[in-house]
């Protein structure tokens, strides 16, 4: 290859506006040995952050496009994203504007 590919920050630039940016990953990714009631409470808390996030649609779009297997992305758990894909690819409208 004689030249490098062009810039690609448009693939991740949306993350700069994410409501979770300063919260760390513990709220959005499972903890080994986490009891089910704690997991459910953590999921609800994470989804509350996602519900107020200005880039929620971009986040969900990213997770669906790359097949993100772990964590809460765009307000959906890994299981919810899998079920969404198993339902025949029916996905929420993911326009780039909120």
PDB file of N, CA and C in Angstrom:
ATOM      1  N   UNK A   1       0.861  -1.168   0.000  1.00  0.00           N
ATOM      2  CA  UNK A   1       0.000   0.000   0.000  1.00  0.00           C
ATOM      3  C   UNK A   1       0.907   1.230   0.000  1.00  0.00           C
ATOM      4  N   UNK A   2       0.665   2.110  -0.906  1.00  0.00           N
ATOM      5  CA  UNK A   2       1.547   3.265  -1.039  1.00  0.00           C
ATOM      6  C   UNK A   2       1.096   4.474  -0.237  1.00  0.00           C
ATOM      7  N   UNK A   3      -0.130   4.453   0.288  1.00  0.00           N
ATOM      8  CA  UNK A   3      -0.568   5.588   1.095  1.00  0.00           C
ATOM      9  C   UNK A   3      -1.447   5.118   2.241  1.00  0.00           C
ATOM     10  N   UNK A   4      -1.470   5.895   3.280  1.00  0.00           N
ATOM     11  CA  UNK A   4      -2.260   5.563   4.459  1.00  0.00           C
ATOM     12  C   UNK A   4      -3.717   5.911   4.238  1.00  0.00           C
ATOM     13  N   UNK A   5      -4.617   5.188   4.919  1.00  0.00           N
ATOM     14  CA  UNK A   5      -6.036   5.543   4.811  1.00  0.00           C
ATOM     15  C   UNK A   5      -6.275   6.923   5.414  1.00  0.00           C
ATOM     16  N   UNK A   6      -7.385   7.521   5.064  1.00  0.00           N
ATOM     17  CA  UNK A   6      -7.727   8.849   5.581  1.00  0.00           C
ATOM     18  C   UNK A   6      -8.063   8.827   7.066  1.00  0.00           C
ATOM     19  N   UNK A   7      -8.336   9.992   7.580  1.00  0.00           N
ATOM     20  CA  UNK A   7      -8.681  10.134   8.999  1.00  0.00           C
ATOM     21  C   UNK A   7      -9.973   9.384   9.306  1.00  0.00           C
ATOM     22  N   UNK A   8     -10.092   8.904  10.526  1.00  0.00           N
ATOM     23  CA  UNK A   8     -11.253   8.086  10.886  1.00  0.00           C
ATOM     24  C   UNK A   8     -11.878   8.493  12.212  1.00  0.00           C
ATOM     25  N   UNK A   9     -11.569   9.686  12.712  1.00  0.00           N
ATOM     26  CA  UNK A   9     -12.107  10.051  14.024  1.00  0.00           C
ATOM     27  C   UNK A   9     -13.629  10.141  14.043  1.00  0.00           C
ATOM     28  N   UNK A  10     -14.252  10.261  12.875  1.00  0.00           N
ATOM     29  CA  UNK A  10     -15.716  10.303  12.834  1.00  0.00           C
ATOM     30  C   UNK A  10     -16.334   9.010  13.378  1.00  0.00           C
ATOM     31  N   UNK A  11     -15.558   7.937  13.409  1.00  0.00           N
ATOM     32  CA  UNK A  11     -16.054   6.671  13.941  1.00  0.00           C
ATOM     33  C   UNK A  11     -16.191   6.687  15.454  1.00  0.00           C
ATOM     34  N   UNK A  12     -15.460   7.520  16.139  1.00  0.00           N
ATOM     35  CA  UNK A  12     -15.485   7.538  17.606  1.00  0.00           C
ATOM     36  C   UNK A  12     -15.723   8.907  18.215  1.00  0.00           C
ATOM     37  N   UNK A  13     -15.755   9.958  17.423  1.00  0.00           N
ATOM     38  CA  UNK A  13     -15.881  11.318  17.946  1.00  0.00           C
ATOM     39  C   UNK A  13     -17.149  11.516  18.777  1.00  0.00           C
ATOM     40  N   UNK A  14     -18.204  10.793  18.461  1.00  0.00           N
ATOM     41  CA  UNK A  14     -19.451  10.896  19.224  1.00  0.00           C
ATOM     42  C   UNK A  14     -19.227  10.611  20.709  1.00  0.00           C
ATOM     43  N   UNK A  15     -18.236   9.802  21.048  1.00  0.00           N
ATOM     44  CA  UNK A  15     -17.991   9.419  22.434  1.00  0.00           C
ATOM     45  C   UNK A  15     -17.644  10.616  23.326  1.00  0.00           C
ATOM     46  N   UNK A  16     -17.125  11.677  22.731  1.00  0.00           N
ATOM     47  CA  UNK A  16     -16.758  12.851  23.531  1.00  0.00           C
ATOM     48  C   UNK A  16     -17.958  13.497  24.207  1.00  0.00           C
ATOM     49  N   UNK A  17     -19.159  13.312  23.648  1.00  0.00           N
ATOM     50  CA  UNK A  17     -20.356  13.898  24.234  1.00  0.00           C
ATOM     51  C   UNK A  17     -21.152  12.943  25.103  1.00  0.00           C
ATOM     52  N   UNK A  18     -20.616  11.765  25.374  1.00  0.00           N
ATOM     53  CA  UNK A  18     -21.350  10.739  26.114  1.00  0.00           C
ATOM     54  C   UNK A  18     -21.519  11.097  27.593  1.00  0.00           C
ATOM     55  N   UNK A  19     -22.709  10.853  28.107  1.00  0.00           N
ATOM     56  CA  UNK A  19     -23.003  11.123  29.523  1.00  0.00           C
ATOM     57  C   UNK A  19     -22.193  10.215  30.454  1.00  0.00           C
ATOM     58  N   UNK A  20     -21.756   9.076  29.956  1.00  0.00           N
ATOM     59  CA  UNK A  20     -21.017   8.116  30.781  1.00  0.00           C
ATOM     60  C   UNK A  20     -19.508   8.354  30.764  1.00  0.00           C
ATOM     61  N   UNK A  21     -19.066   9.288  29.993  1.00  0.00           N
ATOM     62  CA  UNK A  21     -17.632   9.477  29.747  1.00  0.00           C
ATOM     63  C   UNK A  21     -16.781   9.534  31.015  1.00  0.00           C
ATOM     64  N   UNK A  22     -17.255  10.170  32.043  1.00  0.00           N
ATOM     65  CA  UNK A  22     -16.471  10.324  33.278  1.00  0.00           C
ATOM     66  C   UNK A  22     -16.886   9.344  34.376  1.00  0.00           C
ATOM     67  N   UNK A  23     -17.764   8.393  34.062  1.00  0.00           N
ATOM     68  CA  UNK A  23     -18.300   7.503  35.100  1.00  0.00           C
ATOM     69  C   UNK A  23     -17.533   6.205  35.278  1.00  0.00           C
ATOM     70  N   UNK A  24     -16.653   5.877  34.396  1.00  0.00           N
ATOM     71  CA  UNK A  24     -15.950   4.609  34.483  1.00  0.00           C
ATOM     72  C   UNK A  24     -16.806   3.474  33.950  1.00  0.00           C
ATOM     73  N   UNK A  25     -16.240   2.289  33.923  1.00  0.00           N
ATOM     74  CA  UNK A  25     -16.922   1.157  33.289  1.00  0.00           C
ATOM     75  C   UNK A  25     -17.732   0.287  34.243  1.00  0.00           C
ATOM     76  N   UNK A  26     -17.526   0.394  35.530  1.00  0.00           N
ATOM     77  CA  UNK A  26     -18.191  -0.520  36.483  1.00  0.00           C
ATOM     78  C   UNK A  26     -19.707  -0.503  36.392  1.00  0.00           C
ATOM     79  N   UNK A  27     -20.286   0.638  36.071  1.00  0.00           N
ATOM     80  CA  UNK A  27     -21.737   0.736  35.978  1.00  0.00           C
ATOM     81  C   UNK A  27     -22.266   0.047  34.723  1.00  0.00           C
ATOM     82  N   UNK A  28     -21.447  -0.055  33.691  1.00  0.00           N
ATOM     83  CA  UNK A  28     -21.916  -0.510  32.386  1.00  0.00           C
ATOM     84  C   UNK A  28     -21.482  -1.923  32.006  1.00  0.00           C
ATOM     85  N   UNK A  29     -20.575  -2.507  32.783  1.00  0.00           N
ATOM     86  CA  UNK A  29     -20.083  -3.855  32.490  1.00  0.00           C
ATOM     87  C   UNK A  29     -20.185  -4.724  33.733  1.00  0.00           C
ATOM     88  N   UNK A  30     -20.496  -6.013  33.516  1.00  0.00           N
ATOM     89  CA  UNK A  30     -20.743  -6.921  34.643  1.00  0.00           C
ATOM     90  C   UNK A  30     -19.498  -7.122  35.496  1.00  0.00           C
ATOM     91  N   UNK A  31     -19.765  -7.475  36.697  1.00  0.00           N
ATOM     92  CA  UNK A  31     -18.734  -7.759  37.682  1.00  0.00           C
ATOM     93  C   UNK A  31     -18.780  -9.263  37.941  1.00  0.00           C
ATOM     94  N   UNK A  32     -17.651  -9.935  37.917  1.00  0.00           N
ATOM     95  CA  UNK A  32     -17.606 -11.378  38.137  1.00  0.00           C
ATOM     96  C   UNK A  32     -18.267 -11.720  39.469  1.00  0.00           C
ATOM     97  N   UNK A  33     -19.194 -12.666  39.406  1.00  0.00           N
ATOM     98  CA  UNK A  33     -19.875 -13.121  40.616  1.00  0.00           C
ATOM     99  C   UNK A  33     -20.970 -12.187  41.100  1.00  0.00           C
ATOM    100  N   UNK A  34     -21.366 -11.239  40.294  1.00  0.00           N
ATOM    101  CA  UNK A  34     -22.382 -10.257  40.683  1.00  0.00           C
ATOM    102  C   UNK A  34     -23.743 -10.945  40.875  1.00  0.00           C
ATOM    103  N   UNK A  35     -24.349 -10.815  42.044  1.00  0.00           N
ATOM    104  CA  UNK A  35     -25.676 -11.409  42.273  1.00  0.00           C
ATOM    105  C   UNK A  35     -26.721 -10.763  41.359  1.00  0.00           C
ATOM    106  N   UNK A  36     -27.701 -11.540  40.955  1.00  0.00           N
ATOM    107  CA  UNK A  36     -28.726 -11.066  40.027  1.00  0.00           C
ATOM    108  C   UNK A  36     -29.410  -9.778  40.493  1.00  0.00           C
ATOM    109  N   UNK A  37     -29.797  -9.644  41.768  1.00  0.00           N
ATOM    110  CA  UNK A  37     -30.445  -8.385  42.176  1.00  0.00           C
ATOM    111  C   UNK A  37     -29.519  -7.170  42.015  1.00  0.00           C
ATOM    112  N   UNK A  38     -28.240  -7.369  42.289  1.00  0.00           N
ATOM    113  CA  UNK A  38     -27.275  -6.273  42.116  1.00  0.00           C
ATOM    114  C   UNK A  38     -27.110  -5.929  40.636  1.00  0.00           C
ATOM    115  N   UNK A  39     -27.068  -6.967  39.791  1.00  0.00           N
ATOM    116  CA  UNK A  39     -26.939  -6.753  38.348  1.00  0.00           C
ATOM    117  C   UNK A  39     -28.140  -5.970  37.817  1.00  0.00           C
ATOM    118  N   UNK A  40     -29.333  -6.354  38.256  1.00  0.00           N
ATOM    119  CA  UNK A  40     -30.542  -5.666  37.797  1.00  0.00           C
ATOM    120  C   UNK A  40     -30.537  -4.201  38.235  1.00  0.00           C
ATOM    121  N   UNK A  41     -30.103  -3.945  39.446  1.00  0.00           N
ATOM    122  CA  UNK A  41     -30.029  -2.560  39.941  1.00  0.00           C
ATOM    123  C   UNK A  41     -28.985  -1.772  39.156  1.00  0.00           C
ATOM    124  N   UNK A  42     -27.858  -2.414  38.850  1.00  0.00           N
ATOM    125  CA  UNK A  42     -26.811  -1.748  38.072  1.00  0.00           C
ATOM    126  C   UNK A  42     -27.307  -1.445  36.665  1.00  0.00           C
ATOM    127  N   UNK A  43     -28.009  -2.410  36.056  1.00  0.00           N
ATOM    128  CA  UNK A  43     -28.574  -2.184  34.723  1.00  0.00           C
ATOM    129  C   UNK A  43     -29.515  -0.984  34.721  1.00  0.00           C
ATOM    130  N   UNK A  44     -30.379  -0.919  35.715  1.00  0.00           N
ATOM    131  CA  UNK A  44     -31.334   0.197  35.781  1.00  0.00           C
ATOM    132  C   UNK A  44     -30.607   1.533  35.943  1.00  0.00           C
ATOM    133  N   UNK A  45     -29.592   1.561  36.790  1.00  0.00           N
ATOM    134  CA  UNK A  45     -28.827   2.801  36.981  1.00  0.00           C
ATOM    135  C   UNK A  45     -28.112   3.207  35.700  1.00  0.00           C
ATOM    136  N   UNK A  46     -27.541   2.237  34.993  1.00  0.00           N
ATOM    137  CA  UNK A  46     -26.852   2.536  33.733  1.00  0.00           C
ATOM    138  C   UNK A  46     -27.844   3.049  32.692  1.00  0.00           C
ATOM    139  N   UNK A  47     -29.006   2.423  32.623  1.00  0.00           N
ATOM    140  CA  UNK A  47     -30.023   2.835  31.650  1.00  0.00           C
ATOM    141  C   UNK A  47     -30.543   4.240  31.944  1.00  0.00           C
ATOM    142  N   UNK A  48     -30.558   4.629  33.216  1.00  0.00           N
ATOM    143  CA  UNK A  48     -30.952   6.003  33.559  1.00  0.00           C
ATOM    144  C   UNK A  48     -29.950   7.003  32.994  1.00  0.00           C
ATOM    145  N   UNK A  49     -28.668   6.672  33.054  1.00  0.00           N
ATOM    146  CA  UNK A  49     -27.633   7.535  32.462  1.00  0.00           C
ATOM    147  C   UNK A  49     -27.843   7.597  30.949  1.00  0.00           C
ATOM    148  N   UNK A  50     -28.054   6.442  30.331  1.00  0.00           N
ATOM    149  CA  UNK A  50     -28.242   6.380  28.878  1.00  0.00           C
ATOM    150  C   UNK A  50     -29.471   7.169  28.425  1.00  0.00           C
ATOM    151  N   UNK A  51     -30.526   7.122  29.208  1.00  0.00           N
ATOM    152  CA  UNK A  51     -31.766   7.806  28.830  1.00  0.00           C
ATOM    153  C   UNK A  51     -31.576   9.317  28.709  1.00  0.00           C
ATOM    154  N   UNK A  52     -30.617   9.856  29.430  1.00  0.00           N
ATOM    155  CA  UNK A  52     -30.363  11.296  29.395  1.00  0.00           C
ATOM    156  C   UNK A  52     -29.189  11.668  28.491  1.00  0.00           C
ATOM    157  N   UNK A  53     -28.596  10.698  27.855  1.00  0.00           N
ATOM    158  CA  UNK A  53     -27.370  10.914  27.088  1.00  0.00           C
ATOM    159  C   UNK A  53     -27.667  11.502  25.708  1.00  0.00           C
ATOM    160  N   UNK A  54     -26.951  12.558  25.325  1.00  0.00           N
ATOM    161  CA  UNK A  54     -27.184  13.182  24.021  1.00  0.00           C
ATOM    162  C   UNK A  54     -26.688  12.338  22.845  1.00  0.00           C
ATOM    163  N   UNK A  55     -25.878  11.303  23.099  1.00  0.00           N
ATOM    164  CA  UNK A  55     -25.379  10.476  21.999  1.00  0.00           C
ATOM    165  C   UNK A  55     -25.850   9.024  22.127  1.00  0.00           C
ATOM    166  N   UNK A  56     -26.969   8.824  22.795  1.00  0.00           N
ATOM    167  CA  UNK A  56     -27.484   7.473  23.009  1.00  0.00           C
ATOM    168  C   UNK A  56     -27.660   6.716  21.693  1.00  0.00           C
ATOM    169  N   UNK A  57     -28.227   7.345  20.695  1.00  0.00           N
ATOM    170  CA  UNK A  57     -28.458   6.675  19.405  1.00  0.00           C
ATOM    171  C   UNK A  57     -27.145   6.310  18.725  1.00  0.00           C
ATOM    172  N   UNK A  58     -26.174   7.201  18.794  1.00  0.00           N
ATOM    173  CA  UNK A  58     -24.866   6.907  18.204  1.00  0.00           C
ATOM    174  C   UNK A  58     -24.220   5.717  18.908  1.00  0.00           C
ATOM    175  N   UNK A  59     -24.362   5.679  20.211  1.00  0.00           N
ATOM    176  CA  UNK A  59     -23.791   4.607  21.021  1.00  0.00           C
ATOM    177  C   UNK A  59     -24.440   3.267  20.663  1.00  0.00           C
ATOM    178  N   UNK A  60     -25.746   3.249  20.586  1.00  0.00           N
ATOM    179  CA  UNK A  60     -26.454   2.020  20.231  1.00  0.00           C
ATOM    180  C   UNK A  60     -26.106   1.602  18.807  1.00  0.00           C
ATOM    181  N   UNK A  61     -26.053   2.550  17.907  1.00  0.00           N
ATOM    182  CA  UNK A  61     -25.691   2.242  16.518  1.00  0.00           C
ATOM    183  C   UNK A  61     -24.312   1.572  16.479  1.00  0.00           C
ATOM    184  N   UNK A  62     -23.370   2.151  17.197  1.00  0.00           N
ATOM    185  CA  UNK A  62     -22.024   1.588  17.243  1.00  0.00           C
ATOM    186  C   UNK A  62     -22.048   0.142  17.750  1.00  0.00           C
ATOM    187  N   UNK A  63     -22.731  -0.082  18.862  1.00  0.00           N
ATOM    188  CA  UNK A  63     -22.782  -1.422  19.457  1.00  0.00           C
ATOM    189  C   UNK A  63     -23.395  -2.434  18.501  1.00  0.00           C
ATOM    190  N   UNK A  64     -24.432  -2.033  17.791  1.00  0.00           N
ATOM    191  CA  UNK A  64     -25.080  -2.937  16.838  1.00  0.00           C
ATOM    192  C   UNK A  64     -24.198  -3.184  15.620  1.00  0.00           C
ATOM    193  N   UNK A  65     -23.553  -2.151  15.140  1.00  0.00           N
ATOM    194  CA  UNK A  65     -22.711  -2.294  13.948  1.00  0.00           C
ATOM    195  C   UNK A  65     -21.502  -3.187  14.191  1.00  0.00           C
ATOM    196  N   UNK A  66     -20.891  -3.079  15.354  1.00  0.00           N
ATOM    197  CA  UNK A  66     -19.688  -3.878  15.628  1.00  0.00           C
ATOM    198  C   UNK A  66     -20.001  -5.180  16.349  1.00  0.00           C
ATOM    199  N   UNK A  67     -21.272  -5.383  16.711  1.00  0.00           N
ATOM    200  CA  UNK A  67     -21.646  -6.604  17.424  1.00  0.00           C
ATOM    201  C   UNK A  67     -21.053  -6.663  18.818  1.00  0.00           C
ATOM    202  N   UNK A  68     -21.091  -5.537  19.505  1.00  0.00           N
ATOM    203  CA  UNK A  68     -20.509  -5.440  20.856  1.00  0.00           C
ATOM    204  C   UNK A  68     -21.128  -6.512  21.752  1.00  0.00           C
ATOM    205  N   UNK A  69     -20.319  -7.468  22.257  1.00  0.00           N
ATOM    206  CA  UNK A  69     -20.878  -8.579  23.024  1.00  0.00           C
ATOM    207  C   UNK A  69     -21.057  -8.318  24.521  1.00  0.00           C
ATOM    208  N   UNK A  70     -20.515  -7.232  25.033  1.00  0.00           N
ATOM    209  CA  UNK A  70     -20.549  -7.006  26.475  1.00  0.00           C
ATOM    210  C   UNK A  70     -21.041  -5.609  26.819  1.00  0.00           C
ATOM    211  N   UNK A  71     -21.639  -5.478  27.987  1.00  0.00           N
ATOM    212  CA  UNK A  71     -21.965  -4.180  28.548  1.00  0.00           C
ATOM    213  C   UNK A  71     -23.256  -3.562  28.063  1.00  0.00           C
ATOM    214  N   UNK A  72     -23.558  -2.425  28.674  1.00  0.00           N
ATOM    215  CA  UNK A  72     -24.727  -1.640  28.299  1.00  0.00           C
ATOM    216  C   UNK A  72     -24.254  -0.557  27.343  1.00  0.00           C
ATOM    217  N   UNK A  73     -24.844  -0.526  26.190  1.00  0.00           N
ATOM    218  CA  UNK A  73     -24.513   0.450  25.148  1.00  0.00           C
ATOM    219  C   UNK A  73     -25.826   1.015  24.623  1.00  0.00           C
ATOM    220  N   UNK A  74     -25.938   2.316  24.579  1.00  0.00           N
ATOM    221  CA  UNK A  74     -27.142   2.942  24.053  1.00  0.00           C
ATOM    222  C   UNK A  74     -28.401   2.571  24.801  1.00  0.00           C
ATOM    223  N   UNK A  75     -28.250   2.193  26.053  1.00  0.00           N
ATOM    224  CA  UNK A  75     -29.412   1.870  26.878  1.00  0.00           C
ATOM    225  C   UNK A  75     -29.878   0.430  26.793  1.00  0.00           C
ATOM    226  N   UNK A  76     -29.144  -0.427  26.085  1.00  0.00           N
ATOM    227  CA  UNK A  76     -29.529  -1.831  25.985  1.00  0.00           C
ATOM    228  C   UNK A  76     -28.428  -2.729  26.532  1.00  0.00           C
ATOM    229  N   UNK A  77     -28.837  -3.785  27.216  1.00  0.00           N
ATOM    230  CA  UNK A  77     -27.889  -4.774  27.704  1.00  0.00           C
ATOM    231  C   UNK A  77     -27.450  -5.659  26.538  1.00  0.00           C
ATOM    232  N   UNK A  78     -26.435  -6.490  26.781  1.00  0.00           N
ATOM    233  CA  UNK A  78     -25.987  -7.398  25.735  1.00  0.00           C
ATOM    234  C   UNK A  78     -27.106  -8.344  25.313  1.00  0.00           C
ATOM    235  N   UNK A  79     -27.883  -8.829  26.261  1.00  0.00           N
ATOM    236  CA  UNK A  79     -29.008  -9.714  25.941  1.00  0.00           C
ATOM    237  C   UNK A  79     -30.077  -9.013  25.125  1.00  0.00           C
ATOM    238  N   UNK A  80     -30.375  -7.777  25.477  1.00  0.00           N
ATOM    239  CA  UNK A  80     -31.385  -7.017  24.720  1.00  0.00           C
ATOM    240  C   UNK A  80     -30.918  -6.763  23.289  1.00  0.00           C
ATOM    241  N   UNK A  81     -29.627  -6.497  23.126  1.00  0.00           N
ATOM    242  CA  UNK A  81     -29.102  -6.299  21.767  1.00  0.00           C
ATOM    243  C   UNK A  81     -29.154  -7.594  20.974  1.00  0.00           C
ATOM    244  N   UNK A  82     -28.829  -8.721  21.610  1.00  0.00           N
ATOM    245  CA  UNK A  82     -28.903 -10.024  20.923  1.00  0.00           C
ATOM    246  C   UNK A  82     -30.332 -10.321  20.496  1.00  0.00           C
ATOM    247  N   UNK A  83     -31.289 -10.079  21.394  1.00  0.00           N
ATOM    248  CA  UNK A  83     -32.696 -10.329  21.053  1.00  0.00           C
ATOM    249  C   UNK A  83     -33.149  -9.422  19.920  1.00  0.00           C
ATOM    250  N   UNK A  84     -32.669  -8.199  19.918  1.00  0.00           N
ATOM    251  CA  UNK A  84     -33.005  -7.263  18.851  1.00  0.00           C
ATOM    252  C   UNK A  84     -32.522  -7.810  17.511  1.00  0.00           C
ATOM    253  N   UNK A  85     -31.315  -8.337  17.488  1.00  0.00           N
ATOM    254  CA  UNK A  85     -30.779  -8.933  16.261  1.00  0.00           C
ATOM    255  C   UNK A  85     -31.502 -10.199  15.872  1.00  0.00           C
ATOM    256  N   UNK A  86     -31.898 -11.017  16.859  1.00  0.00           N
ATOM    257  CA  UNK A  86     -32.595 -12.273  16.597  1.00  0.00           C
ATOM    258  C   UNK A  86     -34.025 -12.041  16.117  1.00  0.00           C
ATOM    259  N   UNK A  87     -34.539 -10.847  16.349  1.00  0.00           N
ATOM    260  CA  UNK A  87     -35.917 -10.536  15.949  1.00  0.00           C
ATOM    261  C   UNK A  87     -35.985 -10.158  14.475  1.00  0.00           C
ATOM    262  N   UNK A  88     -35.016 -10.595  13.719  1.00  0.00           N
ATOM    263  CA  UNK A  88     -35.052 -10.320  12.281  1.00  0.00           C
ATOM    264  C   UNK A  88     -34.407  -9.008  11.906  1.00  0.00           C
ATOM    265  N   UNK A  89     -33.519  -8.532  12.741  1.00  0.00           N
ATOM    266  CA  UNK A  89     -32.817  -7.295  12.411  1.00  0.00           C
ATOM    267  C   UNK A  89     -33.648  -6.056  12.604  1.00  0.00           C
ATOM    268  N   UNK A  90     -34.798  -6.183  13.244  1.00  0.00           N
ATOM    269  CA  UNK A  90     -35.602  -4.997  13.493  1.00  0.00           C
ATOM    270  C   UNK A  90     -34.877  -4.129  14.498  1.00  0.00           C
ATOM    271  N   UNK A  91     -34.452  -2.976  14.038  1.00  0.00           N
ATOM    272  CA  UNK A  91     -33.691  -2.079  14.900  1.00  0.00           C
ATOM    273  C   UNK A  91     -34.419  -0.754  15.025  1.00  0.00           C
ATOM    274  N   UNK A  92     -34.238  -0.090  16.141  1.00  0.00           N
ATOM    275  CA  UNK A  92     -34.869   1.222  16.287  1.00  0.00           C
ATOM    276  C   UNK A  92     -34.301   2.185  15.257  1.00  0.00           C
ATOM    277  N   UNK A  93     -35.068   3.173  14.904  1.00  0.00           N
ATOM    278  CA  UNK A  93     -34.586   4.185  13.966  1.00  0.00           C
ATOM    279  C   UNK A  93     -33.361   4.848  14.573  1.00  0.00           C
ATOM    280  N   UNK A  94     -32.249   4.784  13.856  1.00  0.00           N
ATOM    281  CA  UNK A  94     -30.991   5.286  14.402  1.00  0.00           C
ATOM    282  C   UNK A  94     -30.471   6.419  13.533  1.00  0.00           C
ATOM    283  N   UNK A  95     -31.232   7.462  13.443  1.00  0.00           N
ATOM    284  CA  UNK A  95     -30.749   8.616  12.690  1.00  0.00           C
ATOM    285  C   UNK A  95     -29.629   9.285  13.464  1.00  0.00           C
ATOM    286  N   UNK A  96     -28.831  10.067  12.794  1.00  0.00           N
ATOM    287  CA  UNK A  96     -27.696  10.690  13.466  1.00  0.00           C
ATOM    288  C   UNK A  96     -28.121  11.894  14.289  1.00  0.00           C
ATOM    289  N   UNK A  97     -29.360  12.283  14.212  1.00  0.00           N
ATOM    290  CA  UNK A  97     -29.848  13.384  15.046  1.00  0.00           C
ATOM    291  C   UNK A  97     -30.748  12.823  16.121  1.00  0.00           C
ATOM    292  N   UNK A  98     -30.651  13.390  17.295  1.00  0.00           N
ATOM    293  CA  UNK A  98     -31.449  12.894  18.412  1.00  0.00           C
ATOM    294  C   UNK A  98     -32.848  13.439  18.379  1.00  0.00           C
TER     295      UNK A  98
END
